[in-house]
Amino acid sequence: MLYMNLLTSGKLHSYLAEVDKQAEDMFLRLVKEYADRQDVTEQLKKDNPYEWIGRMNNIQACVREVVGTELIYT
């Protein structure tokens, strides 16, 4: 119903752009928060880049799931 209303009123594009912006902002904020909580720092990146990559990939995967659940699929 929402889709049809937005489509017929010509507001679908602006609505989707706003949701995309909110999702991107939420993703960046949560990645920083998770990394801070798990002590994934620039020092770790310098000392052990492979561990940093693995941990950051895990954080990003978790955050993608949160953003999808909280913002995209609701």
N, C-alpha and C. Protein backbone atom coordinates (compact mmCIF):
# COMPACT_ATOMS: atom_id res chain seq x y z
N MET A 1 0.83 -1.19 0.00
CA MET A 1 0.00 0.00 0.00
C MET A 1 0.88 1.26 0.00
N LEU A 2 1.87 1.29 0.88
CA LEU A 2 2.77 2.44 0.93
C LEU A 2 3.47 2.63 -0.41
N TYR A 3 3.92 1.52 -0.97
CA TYR A 3 4.61 1.57 -2.26
C TYR A 3 3.72 2.21 -3.32
N MET A 4 2.50 1.77 -3.43
CA MET A 4 1.58 2.30 -4.45
C MET A 4 1.30 3.79 -4.21
N ASN A 5 1.11 4.17 -2.97
CA ASN A 5 0.86 5.58 -2.66
C ASN A 5 2.04 6.44 -3.06
N LEU A 6 3.25 5.99 -2.71
CA LEU A 6 4.44 6.76 -3.06
C LEU A 6 4.67 6.80 -4.56
N LEU A 7 4.44 5.68 -5.21
CA LEU A 7 4.63 5.60 -6.66
C LEU A 7 3.66 6.52 -7.40
N THR A 8 2.40 6.46 -7.04
CA THR A 8 1.41 7.27 -7.75
C THR A 8 1.50 8.75 -7.41
N SER A 9 2.05 9.08 -6.25
CA SER A 9 2.18 10.50 -5.89
C SER A 9 3.50 11.10 -6.39
N GLY A 10 4.38 10.27 -6.94
CA GLY A 10 5.66 10.77 -7.45
C GLY A 10 6.69 10.99 -6.35
N LYS A 11 6.48 10.43 -5.18
CA LYS A 11 7.40 10.64 -4.05
C LYS A 11 8.26 9.43 -3.74
N LEU A 12 8.17 8.39 -4.56
CA LEU A 12 8.90 7.16 -4.28
C LEU A 12 10.41 7.39 -4.27
N HIS A 13 10.91 8.09 -5.27
CA HIS A 13 12.36 8.31 -5.36
C HIS A 13 12.89 9.06 -4.14
N SER A 14 12.23 10.12 -3.75
CA SER A 14 12.72 10.90 -2.60
C SER A 14 12.61 10.09 -1.30
N TYR A 15 11.57 9.27 -1.18
CA TYR A 15 11.42 8.41 -0.01
C TYR A 15 12.58 7.40 0.06
N LEU A 16 12.85 6.76 -1.06
CA LEU A 16 13.94 5.77 -1.08
C LEU A 16 15.29 6.42 -0.84
N ALA A 17 15.50 7.61 -1.36
CA ALA A 17 16.76 8.33 -1.13
C ALA A 17 16.93 8.65 0.36
N GLU A 18 15.85 9.02 1.02
CA GLU A 18 15.90 9.33 2.45
C GLU A 18 16.19 8.07 3.27
N VAL A 19 15.55 6.97 2.94
CA VAL A 19 15.80 5.71 3.64
C VAL A 19 17.25 5.27 3.43
N ASP A 20 17.76 5.43 2.21
CA ASP A 20 19.16 5.09 1.92
C ASP A 20 20.11 5.93 2.75
N LYS A 21 19.84 7.21 2.87
CA LYS A 21 20.68 8.11 3.67
C LYS A 21 20.64 7.71 5.14
N GLN A 22 19.47 7.40 5.66
CA GLN A 22 19.34 6.97 7.05
C GLN A 22 20.10 5.67 7.28
N ALA A 23 20.00 4.74 6.34
CA ALA A 23 20.69 3.46 6.48
C ALA A 23 22.20 3.65 6.46
N GLU A 24 22.69 4.50 5.58
CA GLU A 24 24.13 4.75 5.51
C GLU A 24 24.63 5.40 6.79
N ASP A 25 23.91 6.39 7.28
CA ASP A 25 24.29 7.07 8.53
C ASP A 25 24.30 6.09 9.70
N MET A 26 23.26 5.26 9.79
CA MET A 26 23.17 4.28 10.87
C MET A 26 24.31 3.28 10.77
N PHE A 27 24.61 2.81 9.56
CA PHE A 27 25.69 1.85 9.35
C PHE A 27 27.03 2.42 9.84
N LEU A 28 27.36 3.62 9.41
CA LEU A 28 28.65 4.22 9.80
C LEU A 28 28.73 4.44 11.31
N ARG A 29 27.64 4.90 11.90
CA ARG A 29 27.62 5.15 13.34
C ARG A 29 27.80 3.85 14.12
N LEU A 30 27.07 2.82 13.72
CA LEU A 30 27.15 1.55 14.44
C LEU A 30 28.50 0.86 14.25
N VAL A 31 29.09 0.94 13.08
CA VAL A 31 30.42 0.35 12.87
C VAL A 31 31.41 0.99 13.82
N LYS A 32 31.36 2.31 13.94
CA LYS A 32 32.28 3.00 14.86
C LYS A 32 32.02 2.58 16.31
N GLU A 33 30.74 2.51 16.70
CA GLU A 33 30.42 2.11 18.07
C GLU A 33 30.88 0.68 18.36
N TYR A 34 30.60 -0.25 17.46
CA TYR A 34 31.00 -1.64 17.67
C TYR A 34 32.52 -1.75 17.72
N ALA A 35 33.22 -1.05 16.84
CA ALA A 35 34.68 -1.12 16.82
C ALA A 35 35.25 -0.55 18.11
N ASP A 36 34.69 0.54 18.60
CA ASP A 36 35.16 1.12 19.86
C ASP A 36 34.94 0.15 21.03
N ARG A 37 33.76 -0.48 21.07
CA ARG A 37 33.45 -1.41 22.15
C ARG A 37 34.35 -2.65 22.12
N GLN A 38 34.73 -3.08 20.92
CA GLN A 38 35.54 -4.29 20.78
C GLN A 38 37.03 -3.99 20.67
N ASP A 39 37.39 -2.72 20.89
CA ASP A 39 38.79 -2.28 20.88
C ASP A 39 39.48 -2.61 19.55
N VAL A 40 38.78 -2.38 18.46
CA VAL A 40 39.35 -2.52 17.12
C VAL A 40 39.82 -1.13 16.72
N THR A 41 41.12 -0.90 16.89
CA THR A 41 41.69 0.43 16.77
C THR A 41 42.65 0.53 15.59
N GLU A 42 43.09 1.75 15.35
CA GLU A 42 44.12 1.98 14.33
C GLU A 42 45.44 1.33 14.74
N GLN A 43 45.68 1.23 16.04
CA GLN A 43 46.89 0.56 16.52
C GLN A 43 46.85 -0.92 16.18
N LEU A 44 45.69 -1.55 16.35
CA LEU A 44 45.54 -2.95 15.96
C LEU A 44 45.75 -3.10 14.45
N LYS A 45 45.21 -2.16 13.71
CA LYS A 45 45.37 -2.18 12.24
C LYS A 45 46.85 -2.13 11.87
N LYS A 46 47.61 -1.33 12.60
CA LYS A 46 49.05 -1.20 12.34
C LYS A 46 49.81 -2.45 12.79
N ASP A 47 49.47 -2.97 13.97
CA ASP A 47 50.21 -4.09 14.54
C ASP A 47 49.85 -5.44 13.92
N ASN A 48 48.57 -5.63 13.62
CA ASN A 48 48.11 -6.92 13.11
C ASN A 48 46.99 -6.68 12.09
N PRO A 49 47.36 -6.31 10.87
CA PRO A 49 46.33 -5.93 9.89
C PRO A 49 45.35 -7.05 9.54
N TYR A 50 45.79 -8.30 9.53
CA TYR A 50 44.88 -9.40 9.20
C TYR A 50 43.82 -9.60 10.27
N GLU A 51 44.20 -9.47 11.52
CA GLU A 51 43.22 -9.57 12.60
C GLU A 51 42.24 -8.40 12.51
N TRP A 52 42.76 -7.21 12.24
CA TRP A 52 41.91 -6.02 12.12
C TRP A 52 40.89 -6.22 11.00
N ILE A 53 41.33 -6.72 9.86
CA ILE A 53 40.43 -6.94 8.72
C ILE A 53 39.34 -7.94 9.09
N GLY A 54 39.73 -9.04 9.71
CA GLY A 54 38.75 -10.04 10.11
C GLY A 54 37.73 -9.51 11.09
N ARG A 55 38.20 -8.78 12.06
CA ARG A 55 37.29 -8.23 13.07
C ARG A 55 36.37 -7.16 12.47
N MET A 56 36.92 -6.32 11.60
CA MET A 56 36.10 -5.29 10.96
C MET A 56 35.07 -5.91 10.01
N ASN A 57 35.45 -6.96 9.30
CA ASN A 57 34.49 -7.65 8.44
C ASN A 57 33.35 -8.23 9.27
N ASN A 58 33.67 -8.79 10.43
CA ASN A 58 32.65 -9.33 11.32
C ASN A 58 31.73 -8.22 11.83
N ILE A 59 32.32 -7.12 12.24
CA ILE A 59 31.53 -5.98 12.72
C ILE A 59 30.59 -5.48 11.62
N GLN A 60 31.11 -5.32 10.43
CA GLN A 60 30.29 -4.81 9.33
C GLN A 60 29.15 -5.76 8.99
N ALA A 61 29.41 -7.06 9.03
CA ALA A 61 28.35 -8.04 8.76
C ALA A 61 27.25 -7.94 9.82
N CYS A 62 27.64 -7.81 11.07
CA CYS A 62 26.66 -7.67 12.16
C CYS A 62 25.84 -6.40 11.99
N VAL A 63 26.52 -5.31 11.66
CA VAL A 63 25.84 -4.03 11.51
C VAL A 63 24.90 -4.05 10.31
N ARG A 64 25.30 -4.69 9.21
CA ARG A 64 24.41 -4.81 8.06
C ARG A 64 23.11 -5.51 8.45
N GLU A 65 23.23 -6.53 9.28
CA GLU A 65 22.05 -7.26 9.74
C GLU A 65 21.17 -6.37 10.61
N VAL A 66 21.77 -5.60 11.49
CA VAL A 66 21.01 -4.70 12.37
C VAL A 66 20.30 -3.64 11.53
N VAL A 67 21.02 -3.01 10.62
CA VAL A 67 20.42 -1.96 9.79
C VAL A 67 19.28 -2.55 8.95
N GLY A 68 19.50 -3.70 8.38
CA GLY A 68 18.45 -4.34 7.60
C GLY A 68 17.21 -4.62 8.42
N THR A 69 17.42 -5.16 9.60
CA THR A 69 16.30 -5.51 10.47
C THR A 69 15.58 -4.28 10.99
N GLU A 70 16.32 -3.30 11.43
CA GLU A 70 15.72 -2.12 12.08
C GLU A 70 15.17 -1.10 11.10
N LEU A 71 15.77 -0.98 9.92
CA LEU A 71 15.43 0.13 9.05
C LEU A 71 14.87 -0.31 7.70
N ILE A 72 15.45 -1.29 7.10
CA ILE A 72 15.09 -1.65 5.74
C ILE A 72 13.86 -2.56 5.69
N TYR A 73 13.85 -3.63 6.46
CA TYR A 73 12.81 -4.64 6.36
C TYR A 73 11.63 -4.43 7.28
N THR A 74 11.51 -3.25 7.87
CA THR A 74 10.37 -3.01 8.76
C THR A 74 9.28 -2.24 8.06
